[in-house]
Each structure stands twice: as structure tokens, then as C-alpha cells.
Amino acid sequence: MAEQVTTQSPGNIWKVLVKPGDAVKEGDVLFIMEVMKMEFPHEAPRAGTVTAVYIAEGQENVDGDIVAVEID
């Protein structure tokens, strides 16, 4: 079953470090958000393969608690 990684708060997507098909380990940084001039990395909760990325680098005004990445 796919694991969904959500944004933790509203902000801008500063960097996306994965794409569909990438293998990740638990703790790998998937993407980095800019929130109030601070960088917040979002990590993989478990090892697996990225099946979908729903955000884009440079995307602005992203809501909190939206699905950003799926890992299978």
C-alpha cells in the first residue's frame, strides 16, 4: 500500500529531490519547503519506490496537509 507524504504547513516548494521511479530509504529528504523564510525538509517515512510526485519545484502558496509524494 502506498504511503502518502503530506506538506506539514503552508508555504512554497523550494526544491524537489525525487521523481517517480526513484528508490528512497527511510529518512531521505524528498522535498524542501520554504515557510516564513525558513527551510523545512520533508523526509521519507519508510524505504520504497516513489510512485508519484504531486508538487513542482518553485510552486508557491501550497496549502498545508496536501499529498506531495507517494511511496510504494
PDB file of N, CA and C in Angstrom:
ATOM      1  N   MET A   1       0.840  -1.190   0.000  1.00  0.00           N
ATOM      2  CA  MET A   1       0.000   0.000   0.000  1.00  0.00           C
ATOM      3  C   MET A   1       0.881   1.249   0.000  1.00  0.00           C
ATOM      4  N   ALA A   2       0.510   2.217  -0.783  1.00  0.00           N
ATOM      5  CA  ALA A   2       1.310   3.438  -0.915  1.00  0.00           C
ATOM      6  C   ALA A   2       1.252   4.280   0.360  1.00  0.00           C
ATOM      7  N   GLU A   3       2.374   4.844   0.688  1.00  0.00           N
ATOM      8  CA  GLU A   3       2.493   5.774   1.822  1.00  0.00           C
ATOM      9  C   GLU A   3       2.461   7.179   1.246  1.00  0.00           C
ATOM     10  N   GLN A   4       1.604   8.039   1.792  1.00  0.00           N
ATOM     11  CA  GLN A   4       1.495   9.409   1.305  1.00  0.00           C
ATOM     12  C   GLN A   4       2.269  10.346   2.228  1.00  0.00           C
ATOM     13  N   VAL A   5       3.105  11.171   1.627  1.00  0.00           N
ATOM     14  CA  VAL A   5       3.855  12.180   2.368  1.00  0.00           C
ATOM     15  C   VAL A   5       3.170  13.512   2.098  1.00  0.00           C
ATOM     16  N   THR A   6       2.729  14.174   3.156  1.00  0.00           N
ATOM     17  CA  THR A   6       1.999  15.426   3.013  1.00  0.00           C
ATOM     18  C   THR A   6       2.858  16.620   3.427  1.00  0.00           C
ATOM     19  N   THR A   7       2.456  17.796   2.956  1.00  0.00           N
ATOM     20  CA  THR A   7       3.118  19.019   3.395  1.00  0.00           C
ATOM     21  C   THR A   7       2.743  19.255   4.851  1.00  0.00           C
ATOM     22  N   GLN A   8       3.687  19.718   5.628  1.00  0.00           N
ATOM     23  CA  GLN A   8       3.442  19.890   7.060  1.00  0.00           C
ATOM     24  C   GLN A   8       2.833  21.243   7.402  1.00  0.00           C
ATOM     25  N   SER A   9       2.979  22.197   6.500  1.00  0.00           N
ATOM     26  CA  SER A   9       2.404  23.530   6.726  1.00  0.00           C
ATOM     27  C   SER A   9       2.319  24.251   5.384  1.00  0.00           C
ATOM     28  N   PRO A  10       1.575  25.346   5.323  1.00  0.00           N
ATOM     29  CA  PRO A  10       1.527  26.115   4.071  1.00  0.00           C
ATOM     30  C   PRO A  10       2.890  26.752   3.773  1.00  0.00           C
ATOM     31  N   GLY A  11       3.216  26.884   2.495  1.00  0.00           N
ATOM     32  CA  GLY A  11       4.479  27.512   2.118  1.00  0.00           C
ATOM     33  C   GLY A  11       4.759  27.331   0.641  1.00  0.00           C
ATOM     34  N   ASN A  12       6.008  27.492   0.271  1.00  0.00           N
ATOM     35  CA  ASN A  12       6.455  27.369  -1.117  1.00  0.00           C
ATOM     36  C   ASN A  12       7.353  26.149  -1.253  1.00  0.00           C
ATOM     37  N   ILE A  13       7.289  25.492  -2.403  1.00  0.00           N
ATOM     38  CA  ILE A  13       8.163  24.346  -2.659  1.00  0.00           C
ATOM     39  C   ILE A  13       9.486  24.885  -3.184  1.00  0.00           C
ATOM     40  N   TRP A  14      10.529  24.749  -2.395  1.00  0.00           N
ATOM     41  CA  TRP A  14      11.827  25.289  -2.767  1.00  0.00           C
ATOM     42  C   TRP A  14      12.594  24.298  -3.651  1.00  0.00           C
ATOM     43  N   LYS A  15      12.588  23.016  -3.287  1.00  0.00           N
ATOM     44  CA  LYS A  15      13.367  22.019  -4.013  1.00  0.00           C
ATOM     45  C   LYS A  15      12.650  20.678  -3.962  1.00  0.00           C
ATOM     46  N   VAL A  16      12.562  19.993  -5.094  1.00  0.00           N
ATOM     47  CA  VAL A  16      12.041  18.625  -5.159  1.00  0.00           C
ATOM     48  C   VAL A  16      13.220  17.726  -5.521  1.00  0.00           C
ATOM     49  N   LEU A  17      13.511  16.759  -4.674  1.00  0.00           N
ATOM     50  CA  LEU A  17      14.715  15.954  -4.819  1.00  0.00           C
ATOM     51  C   LEU A  17      14.463  14.552  -5.366  1.00  0.00           C
ATOM     52  N   VAL A  18      13.198  14.208  -5.620  1.00  0.00           N
ATOM     53  CA  VAL A  18      12.876  12.864  -6.129  1.00  0.00           C
ATOM     54  C   VAL A  18      11.944  12.967  -7.331  1.00  0.00           C
ATOM     55  N   LYS A  19      11.873  11.851  -8.061  1.00  0.00           N
ATOM     56  CA  LYS A  19      10.934  11.737  -9.189  1.00  0.00           C
ATOM     57  C   LYS A  19      10.376  10.318  -9.168  1.00  0.00           C
ATOM     58  N   PRO A  20       9.257  10.083  -9.840  1.00  0.00           N
ATOM     59  CA  PRO A  20       8.702   8.728  -9.881  1.00  0.00           C
ATOM     60  C   PRO A  20       9.746   7.722 -10.365  1.00  0.00           C
ATOM     61  N   GLY A  21       9.798   6.595  -9.671  1.00  0.00           N
ATOM     62  CA  GLY A  21      10.760   5.548 -10.003  1.00  0.00           C
ATOM     63  C   GLY A  21      11.998   5.550  -9.129  1.00  0.00           C
ATOM     64  N   ASP A  22      12.242   6.650  -8.417  1.00  0.00           N
ATOM     65  CA  ASP A  22      13.413   6.718  -7.540  1.00  0.00           C
ATOM     66  C   ASP A  22      13.228   5.819  -6.321  1.00  0.00           C
ATOM     67  N   ALA A  23      14.282   5.107  -5.963  1.00  0.00           N
ATOM     68  CA  ALA A  23      14.290   4.330  -4.722  1.00  0.00           C
ATOM     69  C   ALA A  23      14.738   5.256  -3.589  1.00  0.00           C
ATOM     70  N   VAL A  24      14.046   5.191  -2.460  1.00  0.00           N
ATOM     71  CA  VAL A  24      14.401   6.016  -1.308  1.00  0.00           C
ATOM     72  C   VAL A  24      14.529   5.138  -0.071  1.00  0.00           C
ATOM     73  N   LYS A  25      15.337   5.621   0.872  1.00  0.00           N
ATOM     74  CA  LYS A  25      15.486   4.962   2.165  1.00  0.00           C
ATOM     75  C   LYS A  25      14.750   5.798   3.203  1.00  0.00           C
ATOM     76  N   GLU A  26      14.382   5.179   4.289  1.00  0.00           N
ATOM     77  CA  GLU A  26      13.754   5.921   5.380  1.00  0.00           C
ATOM     78  C   GLU A  26      14.675   7.067   5.786  1.00  0.00           C
ATOM     79  N   GLY A  27      14.119   8.265   5.886  1.00  0.00           N
ATOM     80  CA  GLY A  27      14.898   9.431   6.286  1.00  0.00           C
ATOM     81  C   GLY A  27      15.460  10.246   5.144  1.00  0.00           C
ATOM     82  N   ASP A  28      15.430   9.714   3.920  1.00  0.00           N
ATOM     83  CA  ASP A  28      15.892  10.503   2.765  1.00  0.00           C
ATOM     84  C   ASP A  28      15.006  11.732   2.607  1.00  0.00           C
ATOM     85  N   VAL A  29      15.601  12.865   2.262  1.00  0.00           N
ATOM     86  CA  VAL A  29      14.829  14.085   2.029  1.00  0.00           C
ATOM     87  C   VAL A  29      14.178  13.996   0.652  1.00  0.00           C
ATOM     88  N   LEU A  30      12.857  14.163   0.621  1.00  0.00           N
ATOM     89  CA  LEU A  30      12.090  14.090  -0.617  1.00  0.00           C
ATOM     90  C   LEU A  30      11.936  15.459  -1.261  1.00  0.00           C
ATOM     91  N   PHE A  31      11.628  16.456  -0.425  1.00  0.00           N
ATOM     92  CA  PHE A  31      11.476  17.826  -0.913  1.00  0.00           C
ATOM     93  C   PHE A  31      11.692  18.786   0.244  1.00  0.00           C
ATOM     94  N   ILE A  32      11.955  20.042  -0.112  1.00  0.00           N
ATOM     95  CA  ILE A  32      12.194  21.080   0.889  1.00  0.00           C
ATOM     96  C   ILE A  32      11.212  22.218   0.645  1.00  0.00           C
ATOM     97  N   MET A  33      10.515  22.598   1.708  1.00  0.00           N
ATOM     98  CA  MET A  33       9.586  23.733   1.628  1.00  0.00           C
ATOM     99  C   MET A  33      10.209  24.946   2.280  1.00  0.00           C
ATOM    100  N   GLU A  34       9.846  26.107   1.772  1.00  0.00           N
ATOM    101  CA  GLU A  34      10.212  27.371   2.403  1.00  0.00           C
ATOM    102  C   GLU A  34       8.965  27.891   3.109  1.00  0.00           C
ATOM    103  N   VAL A  35       9.088  28.056   4.405  1.00  0.00           N
ATOM    104  CA  VAL A  35       7.985  28.543   5.223  1.00  0.00           C
ATOM    105  C   VAL A  35       8.513  29.698   6.065  1.00  0.00           C
ATOM    106  N   MET A  36       7.996  30.876   5.830  1.00  0.00           N
ATOM    107  CA  MET A  36       8.404  32.071   6.576  1.00  0.00           C
ATOM    108  C   MET A  36       9.927  32.247   6.568  1.00  0.00           C
ATOM    109  N   LYS A  37      10.512  32.128   5.381  1.00  0.00           N
ATOM    110  CA  LYS A  37      11.953  32.324   5.147  1.00  0.00           C
ATOM    111  C   LYS A  37      12.824  31.232   5.766  1.00  0.00           C
ATOM    112  N   MET A  38      12.229  30.135   6.211  1.00  0.00           N
ATOM    113  CA  MET A  38      12.992  29.012   6.760  1.00  0.00           C
ATOM    114  C   MET A  38      12.764  27.785   5.883  1.00  0.00           C
ATOM    115  N   GLU A  39      13.775  26.922   5.797  1.00  0.00           N
ATOM    116  CA  GLU A  39      13.687  25.702   5.004  1.00  0.00           C
ATOM    117  C   GLU A  39      13.250  24.540   5.882  1.00  0.00           C
ATOM    118  N   PHE A  40      12.257  23.768   5.401  1.00  0.00           N
ATOM    119  CA  PHE A  40      11.763  22.605   6.120  1.00  0.00           C
ATOM    120  C   PHE A  40      11.837  21.375   5.216  1.00  0.00           C
ATOM    121  N   PRO A  41      12.816  20.478   5.476  1.00  0.00           N
ATOM    122  CA  PRO A  41      12.903  19.250   4.683  1.00  0.00           C
ATOM    123  C   PRO A  41      11.792  18.276   5.075  1.00  0.00           C
ATOM    124  N   HIS A  42      11.272  17.573   4.103  1.00  0.00           N
ATOM    125  CA  HIS A  42      10.272  16.522   4.323  1.00  0.00           C
ATOM    126  C   HIS A  42      10.928  15.202   3.950  1.00  0.00           C
ATOM    127  N   GLU A  43      10.946  14.261   4.881  1.00  0.00           N
ATOM    128  CA  GLU A  43      11.686  13.016   4.712  1.00  0.00           C
ATOM    129  C   GLU A  43      10.774  11.830   4.418  1.00  0.00           C
ATOM    130  N   ALA A  44      11.357  10.812   3.829  1.00  0.00           N
ATOM    131  CA  ALA A  44      10.635   9.569   3.570  1.00  0.00           C
ATOM    132  C   ALA A  44      10.374   8.864   4.904  1.00  0.00           C
ATOM    133  N   PRO A  45       9.122   8.486   5.170  1.00  0.00           N
ATOM    134  CA  PRO A  45       8.813   7.800   6.417  1.00  0.00           C
ATOM    135  C   PRO A  45       9.255   6.336   6.420  1.00  0.00           C
ATOM    136  N   ARG A  46       9.534   5.802   5.217  1.00  0.00           N
ATOM    137  CA  ARG A  46      10.000   4.414   5.103  1.00  0.00           C
ATOM    138  C   ARG A  46      10.706   4.246   3.764  1.00  0.00           C
ATOM    139  N   ALA A  47      11.384   3.134   3.620  1.00  0.00           N
ATOM    140  CA  ALA A  47      12.050   2.819   2.352  1.00  0.00           C
ATOM    141  C   ALA A  47      11.017   2.378   1.321  1.00  0.00           C
ATOM    142  N   GLY A  48      11.312   2.620   0.063  1.00  0.00           N
ATOM    143  CA  GLY A  48      10.410   2.204  -1.006  1.00  0.00           C
ATOM    144  C   GLY A  48      10.756   2.878  -2.312  1.00  0.00           C
ATOM    145  N   THR A  49       9.797   2.872  -3.222  1.00  0.00           N
ATOM    146  CA  THR A  49       9.958   3.495  -4.532  1.00  0.00           C
ATOM    147  C   THR A  49       8.940   4.612  -4.674  1.00  0.00           C
ATOM    148  N   VAL A  50       9.399   5.769  -5.121  1.00  0.00           N
ATOM    149  CA  VAL A  50       8.496   6.897  -5.346  1.00  0.00           C
ATOM    150  C   VAL A  50       7.588   6.547  -6.523  1.00  0.00           C
ATOM    151  N   THR A  51       6.275   6.588  -6.294  1.00  0.00           N
ATOM    152  CA  THR A  51       5.327   6.263  -7.362  1.00  0.00           C
ATOM    153  C   THR A  51       4.683   7.505  -7.964  1.00  0.00           C
ATOM    154  N   ALA A  52       4.657   8.615  -7.206  1.00  0.00           N
ATOM    155  CA  ALA A  52       4.046   9.849  -7.722  1.00  0.00           C
ATOM    156  C   ALA A  52       4.600  11.054  -6.985  1.00  0.00           C
ATOM    157  N   VAL A  53       4.733  12.159  -7.720  1.00  0.00           N
ATOM    158  CA  VAL A  53       5.124  13.446  -7.146  1.00  0.00           C
ATOM    159  C   VAL A  53       4.086  14.460  -7.613  1.00  0.00           C
ATOM    160  N   TYR A  54       3.370  15.064  -6.669  1.00  0.00           N
ATOM    161  CA  TYR A  54       2.268  15.968  -6.997  1.00  0.00           C
ATOM    162  C   TYR A  54       2.623  17.447  -6.858  1.00  0.00           C
ATOM    163  N   ILE A  55       3.870  17.738  -6.549  1.00  0.00           N
ATOM    164  CA  ILE A  55       4.322  19.114  -6.375  1.00  0.00           C
ATOM    165  C   ILE A  55       5.410  19.409  -7.394  1.00  0.00           C
ATOM    166  N   ALA A  56       5.720  20.681  -7.559  1.00  0.00           N
ATOM    167  CA  ALA A  56       6.763  21.081  -8.504  1.00  0.00           C
ATOM    168  C   ALA A  56       7.680  22.102  -7.850  1.00  0.00           C
ATOM    169  N   GLU A  57       8.951  22.016  -8.191  1.00  0.00           N
ATOM    170  CA  GLU A  57       9.919  22.977  -7.692  1.00  0.00           C
ATOM    171  C   GLU A  57       9.481  24.384  -8.095  1.00  0.00           C
ATOM    172  N   GLY A  58       9.519  25.303  -7.154  1.00  0.00           N
ATOM    173  CA  GLY A  58       9.118  26.676  -7.421  1.00  0.00           C
ATOM    174  C   GLY A  58       7.635  26.949  -7.223  1.00  0.00           C
ATOM    175  N   GLN A  59       6.868  25.910  -6.931  1.00  0.00           N
ATOM    176  CA  GLN A  59       5.428  26.078  -6.716  1.00  0.00           C
ATOM    177  C   GLN A  59       5.208  26.931  -5.466  1.00  0.00           C
ATOM    178  N   GLU A  60       4.345  27.932  -5.588  1.00  0.00           N
ATOM    179  CA  GLU A  60       4.114  28.867  -4.482  1.00  0.00           C
ATOM    180  C   GLU A  60       2.729  28.691  -3.875  1.00  0.00           C
ATOM    181  N   ASN A  61       2.611  29.126  -2.632  1.00  0.00           N
ATOM    182  CA  ASN A  61       1.341  29.137  -1.899  1.00  0.00           C
ATOM    183  C   ASN A  61       0.690  27.762  -1.825  1.00  0.00           C
ATOM    184  N   VAL A  62       1.478  26.772  -1.473  1.00  0.00           N
ATOM    185  CA  VAL A  62       0.980  25.409  -1.311  1.00  0.00           C
ATOM    186  C   VAL A  62       0.328  25.299   0.064  1.00  0.00           C
ATOM    187  N   ASP A  63      -0.848  24.709   0.114  1.00  0.00           N
ATOM    188  CA  ASP A  63      -1.545  24.524   1.384  1.00  0.00           C
ATOM    189  C   ASP A  63      -0.843  23.488   2.241  1.00  0.00           C
ATOM    190  N   GLY A  64      -1.127  23.528   3.529  1.00  0.00           N
ATOM    191  CA  GLY A  64      -0.628  22.510   4.439  1.00  0.00           C
ATOM    192  C   GLY A  64      -1.484  21.260   4.337  1.00  0.00           C
ATOM    193  N   ASP A  65      -0.909  20.133   4.648  1.00  0.00           N
ATOM    194  CA  ASP A  65      -1.582  18.841   4.701  1.00  0.00           C
ATOM    195  C   ASP A  65      -2.133  18.386   3.354  1.00  0.00           C
ATOM    196  N   ILE A  66      -1.401  18.659   2.263  1.00  0.00           N
ATOM    197  CA  ILE A  66      -1.773  18.095   0.959  1.00  0.00           C
ATOM    198  C   ILE A  66      -0.791  16.980   0.613  1.00  0.00           C
ATOM    199  N   VAL A  67      -1.233  16.014  -0.156  1.00  0.00           N
ATOM    200  CA  VAL A  67      -0.341  14.924  -0.569  1.00  0.00           C
ATOM    201  C   VAL A  67       0.662  15.471  -1.575  1.00  0.00           C
ATOM    202  N   ALA A  68       1.950  15.306  -1.254  1.00  0.00           N
ATOM    203  CA  ALA A  68       3.014  15.801  -2.120  1.00  0.00           C
ATOM    204  C   ALA A  68       3.712  14.668  -2.858  1.00  0.00           C
ATOM    205  N   VAL A  69       3.948  13.557  -2.173  1.00  0.00           N
ATOM    206  CA  VAL A  69       4.701  12.433  -2.738  1.00  0.00           C
ATOM    207  C   VAL A  69       4.069  11.137  -2.246  1.00  0.00           C
ATOM    208  N   GLU A  70       4.055  10.124  -3.118  1.00  0.00           N
ATOM    209  CA  GLU A  70       3.622   8.786  -2.710  1.00  0.00           C
ATOM    210  C   GLU A  70       4.779   7.816  -2.868  1.00  0.00           C
ATOM    211  N   ILE A  71       4.918   6.934  -1.886  1.00  0.00           N
ATOM    212  CA  ILE A  71       5.973   5.920  -1.888  1.00  0.00           C
ATOM    213  C   ILE A  71       5.313   4.558  -1.760  1.00  0.00           C
ATOM    214  N   ASP A  72       5.717   3.621  -2.598  1.00  0.00           N
ATOM    215  CA  ASP A  72       5.173   2.274  -2.539  1.00  0.00           C
ATOM    216  C   ASP A  72       6.228   1.319  -2.030  1.00  0.00           C
TER     217      ASP A  72
END
